[in-house]
Amino acid sequence: MRIPYEKQREIIRLLSTNKLSNREIARIVHVSHNTVKLLRTKFMKSGETWESISSLPVQEFYQRLPKTTKKRLHEPRKHMPDWEYIKQELSRKNMTLELLWQEYREEFGFNGYSYSWFVKLFNQWCKVQKKSMKQFYNAGEFLFVDFCGQTIPIYDAKTNMEKFKAQIFVGVMCNSSYNVIHAVPDQKIKSWIECHIEAFKQLGGVPQYIMPDNLKAAVIKHTRSEIIIQKDFNEFAEHYNFIVYPARSREPQDKALAEKGVQIIQTQILARLRNQRFYSLTELNKELYIHNQKINEKQTKTFPMGRTQLFLQTDKVALSPLPELPFEICERKYDVRVNEFGLIEWNKHFYSVPHQYVHCLVDLKVTQQMIEITHQRQFIAQHLLDDQTGGHTISSEHMTETQRAYKELTLPYLIEWAEKTGPYTTEFVQKKISERRDFANGIRTVQRLKQWSNQSGYTSEDLESALQYAIKINALTFDRIKSIIQKQVYGNPRETPTTKLTLHHNIRGADYFNINKLGDK
């Protein structure tokens, strides 16, 4: 069975760090260590690097990795039961070890242990579990993170009423127990990422692992067989190059340092601030940083030199550097289906995508000004955000040839074309669309004129001159305008002909009439 693309990508990212063994990676991603070994072999044979392969679309990603056949050289070993599950099931009423063994054999058949071995191995496992061991970490290896259960209200400066309750984020370094702290308005993904950005700023670097609790902003699913990290947080982890290692459910010893850090913050900082009123997060965070710095610098029996000094000597030097470009906090939406018109919807406004992606699933990345659309990690479109409810932002490049030709004959486009061409074209179009009794024929006349002018090769100046003349003589039908521009009757104004008359005996001249007038008198 093919491993999902996202898991393969995560395995390769972890392999590229050259810090983890196959088994360590297998535990993080929840796959077999043999699967990691196979993917390591394919990755090394490909000659690719994480930088060259990380931004590839799905199909090209698969093409870059050579295909290998996995040969089975030996008979498979017996399948080791999940003793945690066995122990949990045994706590149920009327459950027996023999019944659990029968279910185990039904699932794995001859690849499972016999009942006697099953019982023996289970008893050995139980003896090991009774022993406790202090956990040791390498410098800069883990940052344990969590939110305090206690909150601090933020008030409105004008009404003096409570606006919201600030959530207090706490991070504790594994080796020095150095604390970082930051207040945010909620526990949503945007605030969750903001907390980590601020934590890394306070630390001056990035640890190898982040161990969160199983809150929704960090972990979508965490079972015995699978861990699904929230996609935005996973992309954030890629940007800062750290590994998300969620704590196990109902295993408080995994994040004991985080629990201790939360307790210290709540008793030594939040309790002190219980009677103070804060009117902004900036004001609250400033106060939190001052008190947290005092805790980190305080010398105790456990920390004779203080947490800050110990951090600088151990964890600080082992942290990875911060990335050159900060992570852009944005909103994301995944698996959005493109409708039959080639549009996707965001915040009740519609945006176009190239027509070949109709009915496909795409991902949206929305910043303060732009919306970016990708398909299988490949960029396909972007638009400026528009807050017009029910509006449409459509790019002509995304249309089919038929759609594009139709759009060019719509009224808004005809008006735009006329305004670009010149004032007489604009006046002509306005006259035609103002004929309400014959509106359809008026629009058709403009459409025919536009199509013909584009195909005939006449310039905008020719069209403007012809329409100026046509408006003057009120000849506004398509055939008359076409005739005017073809014959170019507008080119030279007509002059009145002057012909010299030849003198002969029949021409009397002006004097003759004067004589007659005198005779009459």
Protein backbone atom coordinates (compact mmCIF):
# COMPACT_ATOMS: atom_id res chain seq x y z
CA MET A 1 0.00 0.00 0.00
CA ARG A 2 1.40 3.41 -0.99
CA ILE A 3 2.21 5.72 1.93
CA PRO A 4 0.29 9.03 1.70
CA TYR A 5 2.15 11.86 0.01
CA GLU A 6 2.20 14.07 3.12
CA LYS A 7 3.78 11.29 5.20
CA GLN A 8 6.46 10.59 2.57
CA ARG A 9 7.22 14.29 2.41
CA GLU A 10 7.53 14.53 6.20
CA ILE A 11 9.81 11.45 6.33
CA ILE A 12 12.14 12.97 3.71
CA ARG A 13 12.23 16.27 5.62
CA LEU A 14 13.26 14.43 8.78
CA LEU A 15 15.82 12.35 6.86
CA SER A 16 17.41 15.52 5.49
CA THR A 17 18.21 16.75 9.00
CA ASN A 18 20.70 13.86 9.43
CA LYS A 19 19.93 13.89 13.16
CA LEU A 20 17.45 11.04 13.51
CA SER A 21 17.67 7.28 13.07
CA ASN A 22 15.15 5.27 11.06
CA ARG A 23 13.45 4.08 14.24
CA GLU A 24 13.19 7.60 15.69
CA ILE A 25 11.60 8.88 12.49
CA ALA A 26 9.28 5.86 12.41
CA ARG A 27 8.05 6.67 15.92
CA ILE A 28 7.41 10.31 15.01
CA VAL A 29 5.56 9.62 11.75
CA HIS A 30 3.97 6.36 12.99
CA VAL A 31 5.19 4.04 10.25
CA SER A 32 7.41 0.97 10.22
CA HIS A 33 11.15 1.61 10.52
CA ASN A 34 11.56 -0.60 7.43
CA THR A 35 9.37 1.85 5.54
CA VAL A 36 11.67 4.69 6.59
CA LYS A 37 14.68 2.60 5.54
CA LEU A 38 13.14 1.97 2.12
CA LEU A 39 12.35 5.67 1.62
CA ARG A 40 15.87 6.63 2.79
CA THR A 41 17.32 4.34 0.09
CA LYS A 42 15.09 5.84 -2.60
CA PHE A 43 15.91 9.38 -1.47
CA MET A 44 19.68 8.74 -1.51
CA LYS A 45 19.52 7.09 -4.96
CA SER A 46 17.54 10.01 -6.38
CA GLY A 47 20.37 12.47 -5.67
CA GLU A 48 17.79 15.05 -4.63
CA THR A 49 17.91 17.35 -1.60
CA TRP A 50 15.06 18.51 0.63
CA GLU A 51 15.36 22.01 -0.86
CA SER A 52 14.99 20.70 -4.43
CA ILE A 53 12.09 18.36 -3.71
CA SER A 54 10.06 20.19 -1.03
CA SER A 55 8.14 22.52 -3.35
CA LEU A 56 7.38 20.00 -6.11
CA PRO A 57 3.79 19.14 -7.10
CA VAL A 58 2.58 15.67 -6.08
CA GLN A 59 3.10 13.85 -9.39
CA GLU A 60 6.57 15.29 -9.98
CA PHE A 61 7.48 14.43 -6.38
CA TYR A 62 6.73 10.75 -7.06
CA GLN A 63 8.60 10.85 -10.39
CA ARG A 64 11.81 12.16 -8.78
CA LEU A 65 12.01 9.19 -6.39
CA PRO A 66 13.20 5.97 -8.11
CA LYS A 67 10.96 2.96 -7.91
CA THR A 68 12.36 0.06 -5.89
CA THR A 69 11.09 -3.41 -5.24
CA LYS A 70 11.09 -4.62 -1.70
CA LYS A 71 12.31 -8.22 -1.51
CA ARG A 72 11.47 -10.39 1.43
CA LEU A 73 14.56 -12.39 2.32
CA HIS A 74 13.34 -14.03 5.48
CA GLU A 75 10.12 -15.18 6.99
CA PRO A 76 8.37 -12.42 8.94
CA ARG A 77 8.97 -12.26 12.68
CA LYS A 78 6.19 -12.74 15.17
CA HIS A 79 4.02 -9.67 15.56
CA MET A 80 4.52 -8.02 18.95
CA PRO A 81 1.19 -7.21 20.63
CA ASP A 82 0.31 -3.66 21.67
CA TRP A 83 0.76 -4.08 25.42
CA GLU A 84 -0.67 -0.64 26.23
CA TYR A 85 -3.88 -1.66 24.52
CA ILE A 86 -3.88 -5.05 26.29
CA LYS A 87 -3.44 -3.38 29.67
CA GLN A 88 -6.22 -0.90 28.96
CA GLU A 89 -8.64 -3.64 27.83
CA LEU A 90 -7.89 -5.76 30.89
CA SER A 91 -9.27 -3.00 33.09
CA ARG A 92 -12.72 -3.67 31.64
CA LYS A 93 -15.22 -5.79 33.53
CA ASN A 94 -15.15 -9.57 32.78
CA MET A 95 -12.18 -9.18 30.39
CA THR A 96 -9.53 -11.94 30.46
CA LEU A 97 -6.04 -12.23 29.03
CA GLU A 98 -7.05 -15.40 27.19
CA LEU A 99 -9.86 -13.62 25.34
CA LEU A 100 -7.48 -10.83 24.30
CA TRP A 101 -4.99 -13.46 23.08
CA GLN A 102 -7.72 -15.12 20.99
CA GLU A 103 -8.56 -11.79 19.34
CA TYR A 104 -4.84 -11.22 18.76
CA ARG A 105 -4.46 -14.63 17.02
CA GLU A 106 -7.56 -14.04 14.92
CA GLU A 107 -5.96 -10.87 13.58
CA PHE A 108 -2.39 -12.12 13.02
CA GLY A 109 -2.82 -15.89 12.70
CA PHE A 110 0.45 -17.85 12.61
CA ASN A 111 2.41 -14.58 12.82
CA GLY A 112 1.22 -14.25 16.42
CA TYR A 113 2.72 -15.71 19.60
CA SER A 114 1.33 -18.76 21.34
CA TYR A 115 -0.73 -18.21 24.48
CA SER A 116 2.11 -19.19 26.84
CA TRP A 117 4.54 -16.76 25.19
CA PHE A 118 1.84 -14.12 25.08
CA VAL A 119 1.37 -14.33 28.87
CA LYS A 120 5.12 -14.44 29.52
CA LEU A 121 5.86 -11.38 27.39
CA PHE A 122 2.97 -9.47 28.94
CA ASN A 123 4.22 -10.14 32.47
CA GLN A 124 7.74 -9.03 31.51
CA TRP A 125 6.36 -5.83 30.03
CA CYS A 126 4.36 -5.14 33.21
CA LYS A 127 7.50 -5.48 35.36
CA VAL A 128 9.38 -2.98 33.21
CA GLN A 129 6.50 -0.50 33.38
CA LYS A 130 6.62 -0.45 37.17
CA LYS A 131 10.09 1.05 37.08
CA SER A 132 10.37 4.81 36.76
CA MET A 133 13.22 6.72 35.21
CA LYS A 134 14.12 10.40 35.12
CA GLN A 135 13.95 11.78 31.61
CA PHE A 136 17.11 13.36 30.22
CA TYR A 137 17.28 15.67 27.23
CA ASN A 138 20.06 17.09 25.12
CA ALA A 139 20.61 20.84 25.15
CA GLY A 140 18.28 22.70 22.81
CA GLU A 141 16.38 19.52 22.00
CA PHE A 142 12.82 20.14 23.28
CA LEU A 143 10.56 23.10 23.96
CA PHE A 144 7.50 22.00 25.96
CA VAL A 145 4.49 24.25 25.30
CA ASP A 146 1.03 24.63 26.81
CA PHE A 147 -1.65 27.18 27.71
CA CYS A 148 -2.38 28.08 31.32
CA GLY A 149 -5.77 27.07 32.63
CA GLN A 150 -6.04 30.49 34.24
CA THR A 151 -6.84 33.52 32.06
CA ILE A 152 -6.63 37.31 32.48
CA PRO A 153 -9.52 39.58 31.41
CA ILE A 154 -8.89 42.46 28.99
CA TYR A 155 -11.17 45.48 29.48
CA ASP A 156 -12.54 48.15 27.14
CA ALA A 157 -10.96 51.53 27.95
CA LYS A 158 -14.18 53.46 27.20
CA THR A 159 -16.85 51.28 28.80
CA ASN A 160 -14.63 49.57 31.38
CA MET A 161 -16.42 46.33 30.45
CA GLU A 162 -14.62 43.04 29.86
CA LYS A 163 -13.84 42.47 26.16
CA PHE A 164 -12.30 38.98 26.27
CA LYS A 165 -10.15 36.71 28.41
CA ALA A 166 -6.49 36.58 27.38
CA GLN A 167 -4.97 33.11 27.01
CA ILE A 168 -1.48 32.74 28.52
CA PHE A 169 0.99 30.66 26.49
CA VAL A 170 3.95 29.08 28.31
CA GLY A 171 7.03 27.40 26.86
CA VAL A 172 9.77 25.63 28.87
CA MET A 173 13.20 24.63 27.53
CA CYS A 174 14.14 21.02 28.29
CA ASN A 175 17.64 21.44 29.73
CA SER A 176 17.55 24.76 31.58
CA SER A 177 13.80 25.03 32.35
CA TYR A 178 13.99 28.55 30.89
CA ASN A 179 10.45 29.96 30.56
CA VAL A 180 8.93 31.96 27.71
CA ILE A 181 5.49 33.55 28.00
CA HIS A 182 3.04 35.36 25.71
CA ALA A 183 -0.64 36.42 25.92
CA VAL A 184 -3.04 36.06 22.97
CA PRO A 185 -6.81 36.58 22.54
CA ASP A 186 -7.70 32.89 21.92
CA GLN A 187 -6.30 29.42 21.23
CA LYS A 188 -7.03 29.39 17.49
CA ILE A 189 -4.35 28.47 14.97
CA LYS A 190 -3.45 32.10 14.15
CA SER A 191 -2.81 32.88 17.82
CA TRP A 192 -1.07 29.51 18.32
CA ILE A 193 1.45 30.29 15.57
CA GLU A 194 1.90 33.85 16.90
CA CYS A 195 2.83 32.36 20.30
CA HIS A 196 5.59 30.23 18.77
CA ILE A 197 6.97 33.10 16.69
CA GLU A 198 7.22 35.18 19.86
CA ALA A 199 8.70 32.24 21.80
CA PHE A 200 11.46 31.77 19.21
CA LYS A 201 12.20 35.51 19.36
CA GLN A 202 12.58 35.32 23.14
CA LEU A 203 14.82 32.25 22.83
CA GLY A 204 16.84 33.70 19.96
CA GLY A 205 16.64 30.42 18.04
CA VAL A 206 14.64 27.31 17.23
CA PRO A 207 14.73 24.00 19.18
CA GLN A 208 14.79 20.63 17.47
CA TYR A 209 11.40 19.49 18.79
CA ILE A 210 8.20 21.18 19.97
CA MET A 211 6.06 19.05 22.30
CA PRO A 212 2.51 20.45 22.52
CA ASP A 213 -0.53 19.03 24.21
CA ASN A 214 -3.21 17.65 21.91
CA LEU A 215 -5.12 20.90 21.37
CA LYS A 216 -6.93 21.36 18.04
CA ALA A 217 -4.63 24.13 16.83
CA ALA A 218 -1.70 21.67 16.88
CA VAL A 219 -3.03 18.13 16.46
CA ILE A 220 -6.01 17.01 14.40
CA LYS A 221 -5.81 13.32 15.30
CA HIS A 222 -3.66 11.38 17.76
CA THR A 223 -4.29 7.66 18.08
CA ARG A 224 -2.11 4.64 18.79
CA SER A 225 -1.53 4.17 15.06
CA GLU A 226 -1.58 7.67 13.59
CA ILE A 227 -0.79 11.32 14.31
CA ILE A 228 -2.17 14.06 12.05
CA ILE A 229 -0.66 17.51 12.64
CA GLN A 230 -2.76 20.58 11.82
CA LYS A 231 -1.70 21.62 8.29
CA ASP A 232 -0.99 25.29 9.06
CA PHE A 233 1.13 24.34 12.06
CA ASN A 234 2.93 21.70 10.00
CA GLU A 235 3.82 24.33 7.35
CA PHE A 236 4.99 26.61 10.14
CA ALA A 237 7.21 23.74 11.40
CA GLU A 238 8.68 23.34 7.90
CA HIS A 239 9.43 27.07 7.69
CA TYR A 240 11.26 27.09 11.04
CA ASN A 241 12.64 23.56 10.51
CA PHE A 242 11.53 21.92 13.75
CA ILE A 243 9.69 18.66 14.47
CA VAL A 244 6.24 18.53 16.09
CA TYR A 245 6.27 15.75 18.71
CA PRO A 246 2.86 15.74 20.49
CA ALA A 247 2.64 14.37 24.01
CA ARG A 248 0.72 11.14 24.47
CA SER A 249 -2.81 11.36 25.76
CA ARG A 250 -3.21 10.71 29.47
CA GLU A 251 0.58 10.53 29.92
CA PRO A 252 1.42 13.61 32.04
CA GLN A 253 5.05 12.52 32.47
CA ASP A 254 5.67 13.30 28.78
CA LYS A 255 5.16 17.02 29.39
CA ALA A 256 6.04 17.25 33.07
CA LEU A 257 8.22 20.32 32.48
CA ALA A 258 5.36 22.14 30.74
CA GLU A 259 3.01 21.34 33.62
CA LYS A 260 5.60 22.60 36.10
CA GLY A 261 6.17 25.76 34.04
CA VAL A 262 2.44 26.48 33.91
CA GLN A 263 2.23 26.02 37.69
CA ILE A 264 5.10 28.48 38.26
CA ILE A 265 3.59 31.09 35.93
CA GLN A 266 0.14 30.81 37.52
CA THR A 267 1.34 31.00 41.14
CA GLN A 268 4.16 33.52 40.78
CA ILE A 269 2.88 35.82 38.01
CA LEU A 270 -0.85 35.50 37.34
CA ALA A 271 -1.70 35.43 41.04
CA ARG A 272 0.25 38.70 41.51
CA LEU A 273 -1.68 40.35 38.67
CA ARG A 274 -5.13 39.30 39.89
CA ASN A 275 -6.11 42.81 41.04
CA GLN A 276 -4.67 44.70 38.06
CA ARG A 277 -6.77 45.79 35.08
CA PHE A 278 -5.37 45.57 31.56
CA TYR A 279 -6.82 47.35 28.54
CA SER A 280 -4.72 45.78 25.78
CA LEU A 281 -2.64 42.69 25.09
CA THR A 282 0.42 44.89 24.57
CA GLU A 283 0.07 46.26 28.09
CA LEU A 284 -0.43 42.77 29.54
CA ASN A 285 2.49 41.23 27.66
CA LYS A 286 4.82 43.98 28.81
CA GLU A 287 3.95 43.17 32.43
CA LEU A 288 4.24 39.41 31.86
CA TYR A 289 7.74 39.74 30.34
CA ILE A 290 9.01 41.76 33.30
CA HIS A 291 7.80 39.20 35.87
CA ASN A 292 8.97 36.23 33.78
CA GLN A 293 12.45 37.71 33.48
CA LYS A 294 12.65 37.89 37.28
CA ILE A 295 11.71 34.20 37.57
CA ASN A 296 14.32 33.18 35.00
CA GLU A 297 17.06 35.17 36.73
CA LYS A 298 16.14 34.04 40.25
CA GLN A 299 18.73 31.79 41.93
CA THR A 300 17.34 28.75 43.79
CA LYS A 301 18.62 25.44 45.17
CA THR A 302 17.59 23.71 41.95
CA PHE A 303 19.06 26.48 39.78
CA PRO A 304 22.01 28.02 41.70
CA MET A 305 23.03 30.19 38.74
CA GLY A 306 19.45 30.93 37.66
CA ARG A 307 17.56 29.68 34.62
CA THR A 308 18.78 32.49 32.37
CA GLN A 309 22.48 31.79 32.94
CA LEU A 310 21.96 28.05 32.55
CA PHE A 311 20.01 28.63 29.34
CA LEU A 312 22.80 30.75 27.86
CA GLN A 313 25.38 28.07 28.68
CA THR A 314 23.40 25.02 27.47
CA ASP A 315 20.22 25.38 25.42
CA LYS A 316 21.02 28.68 23.70
CA VAL A 317 24.17 27.48 21.94
CA ALA A 318 22.38 24.37 20.62
CA LEU A 319 19.40 26.18 19.07
CA SER A 320 19.06 26.44 15.29
CA PRO A 321 19.14 29.98 13.87
CA LEU A 322 15.93 31.82 13.06
CA PRO A 323 14.96 31.83 9.35
CA GLU A 324 15.84 34.90 7.30
CA LEU A 325 12.22 35.54 6.31
CA PRO A 326 9.51 35.49 9.00
CA PHE A 327 6.54 33.17 8.61
CA GLU A 328 3.56 34.99 7.15
CA ILE A 329 0.55 34.46 9.39
CA CYS A 330 -2.46 33.85 7.19
CA GLU A 331 -5.73 32.00 6.98
CA ARG A 332 -5.91 28.75 5.07
CA LYS A 333 -8.63 26.51 3.76
CA TYR A 334 -7.98 23.08 2.34
CA ASP A 335 -9.78 20.84 -0.15
CA VAL A 336 -12.06 23.53 -1.58
CA ARG A 337 -13.88 22.25 -4.66
CA VAL A 338 -13.92 24.43 -7.80
CA ASN A 339 -17.50 24.78 -9.07
CA GLU A 340 -18.69 24.16 -12.65
CA PHE A 341 -18.08 27.82 -13.53
CA GLY A 342 -14.39 27.67 -12.56
CA LEU A 343 -14.92 29.68 -9.35
CA ILE A 344 -14.10 29.19 -5.67
CA GLU A 345 -15.76 31.04 -2.81
CA TRP A 346 -14.05 32.86 0.04
CA ASN A 347 -15.95 35.04 2.49
CA LYS A 348 -19.03 35.13 0.19
CA HIS A 349 -17.01 36.42 -2.78
CA PHE A 350 -16.10 34.35 -5.85
CA TYR A 351 -12.66 34.11 -7.49
CA SER A 352 -11.70 32.43 -10.75
CA VAL A 353 -9.18 29.66 -11.36
CA PRO A 354 -7.92 28.34 -14.74
CA HIS A 355 -10.75 26.49 -16.49
CA GLN A 356 -8.87 23.15 -16.55
CA TYR A 357 -9.27 22.88 -12.75
CA VAL A 358 -13.09 22.77 -12.78
CA HIS A 359 -14.35 20.27 -10.12
CA CYS A 360 -10.81 19.84 -8.69
CA LEU A 361 -9.91 20.26 -5.01
CA VAL A 362 -7.68 23.27 -4.31
CA ASP A 363 -6.09 24.88 -1.24
CA LEU A 364 -6.49 28.57 -0.33
CA LYS A 365 -3.95 30.81 1.38
CA VAL A 366 -5.40 34.18 2.38
CA THR A 367 -3.27 37.10 3.59
CA GLN A 368 -4.43 40.61 4.45
CA GLN A 369 -4.50 41.65 0.78
CA MET A 370 -4.22 38.55 -1.44
CA ILE A 371 -5.80 35.14 -1.94
CA GLU A 372 -3.47 32.48 -3.36
CA ILE A 373 -4.82 29.24 -4.86
CA THR A 374 -2.79 26.03 -5.21
CA HIS A 375 -3.54 22.56 -6.54
CA GLN A 376 -1.45 19.67 -5.20
CA ARG A 377 1.06 22.24 -3.88
CA GLN A 378 1.34 23.87 -7.32
CA PHE A 379 0.46 27.57 -7.65
CA ILE A 380 -2.39 28.14 -10.13
CA ALA A 381 -3.90 31.58 -9.39
CA GLN A 382 -3.96 34.62 -7.13
CA HIS A 383 -6.25 37.65 -6.77
CA LEU A 384 -6.53 40.82 -4.71
CA LEU A 385 -9.07 40.32 -1.93
CA ASP A 386 -12.50 41.84 -2.51
CA ASP A 387 -15.07 42.16 0.29
CA GLN A 388 -18.06 42.66 -2.03
CA THR A 389 -20.68 40.11 -0.94
CA GLY A 390 -21.81 37.98 -3.89
CA GLY A 391 -19.28 39.67 -6.19
CA HIS A 392 -17.02 37.99 -8.74
CA THR A 393 -13.32 38.51 -9.44
CA ILE A 394 -12.61 36.84 -12.77
CA SER A 395 -9.43 36.87 -14.84
CA SER A 396 -9.78 36.58 -18.64
CA GLU A 397 -6.73 34.30 -18.67
CA HIS A 398 -8.71 31.68 -16.72
CA MET A 399 -11.52 31.47 -19.32
CA THR A 400 -11.94 29.18 -22.31
CA GLU A 401 -11.76 30.76 -25.78
CA THR A 402 -15.57 30.66 -26.03
CA GLN A 403 -16.03 32.31 -22.63
CA ARG A 404 -13.45 34.97 -23.46
CA ALA A 405 -15.13 35.79 -26.80
CA TYR A 406 -18.52 36.03 -25.12
CA LYS A 407 -17.21 38.30 -22.36
CA GLU A 408 -15.80 40.71 -24.93
CA LEU A 409 -19.33 41.23 -26.28
CA THR A 410 -20.98 42.00 -22.94
CA LEU A 411 -22.16 45.55 -22.19
CA PRO A 412 -19.53 46.43 -19.51
CA TYR A 413 -16.75 45.26 -21.81
CA LEU A 414 -18.17 47.20 -24.79
CA ILE A 415 -18.30 50.38 -22.70
CA GLU A 416 -14.71 49.79 -21.56
CA TRP A 417 -13.62 49.24 -25.19
CA ALA A 418 -15.36 52.45 -26.29
CA GLU A 419 -13.72 54.53 -23.55
CA LYS A 420 -10.30 53.20 -24.55
CA THR A 421 -10.92 53.93 -28.24
CA GLY A 422 -11.99 57.57 -27.94
CA PRO A 423 -14.72 60.14 -27.14
CA TYR A 424 -16.74 59.69 -30.38
CA THR A 425 -16.82 55.91 -29.98
CA THR A 426 -17.99 56.44 -26.40
CA GLU A 427 -20.69 58.87 -27.57
CA PHE A 428 -21.82 56.40 -30.25
CA VAL A 429 -22.09 53.53 -27.74
CA GLN A 430 -23.97 55.73 -25.26
CA LYS A 431 -26.47 56.70 -27.97
CA LYS A 432 -27.05 53.07 -28.86
CA ILE A 433 -27.53 51.76 -25.32
CA SER A 434 -29.85 54.69 -24.48
CA GLU A 435 -32.33 53.52 -27.14
CA ARG A 436 -34.51 51.63 -24.69
CA ARG A 437 -37.19 50.74 -27.27
CA ASP A 438 -34.63 49.09 -29.51
CA PHE A 439 -31.96 48.23 -26.93
CA ALA A 440 -31.21 44.74 -28.33
CA ASN A 441 -30.52 46.03 -31.85
CA GLY A 442 -28.46 48.88 -30.43
CA ILE A 443 -26.21 46.46 -28.51
CA ARG A 444 -25.97 44.24 -31.59
CA THR A 445 -24.85 47.21 -33.71
CA VAL A 446 -22.05 48.00 -31.25
CA GLN A 447 -21.00 44.33 -31.12
CA ARG A 448 -20.85 44.06 -34.92
CA LEU A 449 -18.89 47.30 -35.18
CA LYS A 450 -16.35 46.16 -32.59
CA GLN A 451 -15.85 42.76 -34.22
CA TRP A 452 -15.56 44.25 -37.70
CA SER A 453 -13.12 47.00 -36.63
CA ASN A 454 -10.86 44.41 -34.98
CA GLN A 455 -10.86 42.18 -38.07
CA SER A 456 -10.67 44.87 -40.78
CA GLY A 457 -7.39 46.39 -39.61
CA TYR A 458 -8.57 50.01 -39.38
CA THR A 459 -6.96 52.09 -36.63
CA SER A 460 -8.70 53.70 -33.67
CA GLU A 461 -8.13 57.09 -35.34
CA ASP A 462 -10.01 55.90 -38.45
CA LEU A 463 -12.90 54.66 -36.35
CA GLU A 464 -13.01 57.89 -34.33
CA SER A 465 -13.08 60.06 -37.49
CA ALA A 466 -15.79 57.92 -39.08
CA LEU A 467 -17.97 58.02 -35.98
CA GLN A 468 -17.50 61.79 -35.64
CA TYR A 469 -18.84 62.17 -39.18
CA ALA A 470 -21.61 59.58 -38.65
CA ILE A 471 -22.84 61.33 -35.50
CA LYS A 472 -22.81 64.68 -37.34
CA ILE A 473 -25.05 63.39 -40.15
CA ASN A 474 -26.98 61.02 -37.80
CA ALA A 475 -26.04 57.91 -39.79
CA LEU A 476 -25.68 55.46 -36.90
CA THR A 477 -26.45 52.08 -38.47
CA PHE A 478 -23.66 49.54 -38.84
CA ASP A 479 -23.84 49.47 -42.66
CA ARG A 480 -23.68 53.29 -42.96
CA ILE A 481 -20.70 53.52 -40.58
CA LYS A 482 -18.94 50.70 -42.42
CA SER A 483 -19.48 52.50 -45.73
CA ILE A 484 -18.20 55.80 -44.29
CA ILE A 485 -14.99 54.28 -42.97
CA GLN A 486 -14.35 52.24 -46.14
CA LYS A 487 -14.85 55.21 -48.49
CA GLN A 488 -13.18 57.58 -46.04
CA VAL A 489 -15.62 60.36 -46.94
CA TYR A 490 -14.64 62.01 -43.67
CA GLY A 491 -11.06 62.49 -44.86
CA ASN A 492 -11.33 65.89 -46.73
CA PRO A 493 -14.21 68.32 -46.19
CA ARG A 494 -16.20 69.05 -49.39
CA GLU A 495 -15.35 72.32 -51.19
CA THR A 496 -17.88 74.30 -53.30
CA PRO A 497 -16.68 74.12 -56.96
CA THR A 498 -15.88 77.47 -58.68
CA THR A 499 -15.86 77.40 -62.54
CA LYS A 500 -14.77 80.33 -64.74
CA LEU A 501 -17.32 81.28 -67.41
CA THR A 502 -16.14 81.89 -71.00
CA LEU A 503 -17.01 85.40 -72.33
CA HIS A 504 -19.12 85.58 -75.60
CA HIS A 505 -21.81 87.88 -77.16
CA ASN A 506 -24.68 86.35 -75.23
CA ILE A 507 -23.23 87.50 -71.93
CA ARG A 508 -24.31 91.05 -71.22
CA GLY A 509 -22.56 91.75 -67.94
CA ALA A 510 -23.58 93.84 -64.93
CA ASP A 511 -23.61 97.12 -66.80
CA TYR A 512 -26.48 96.03 -68.96
CA PHE A 513 -28.76 95.78 -65.99
CA ASN A 514 -27.78 99.23 -64.76
CA ILE A 515 -28.71 100.78 -68.14
CA ASN A 516 -32.10 99.14 -68.16
CA LYS A 517 -32.76 100.43 -64.69
CA LEU A 518 -31.98 104.00 -65.83
CA GLY A 519 -34.29 103.63 -68.85
CA ASP A 520 -37.13 102.58 -66.67
CA LYS A 521 -36.79 105.73 -64.69
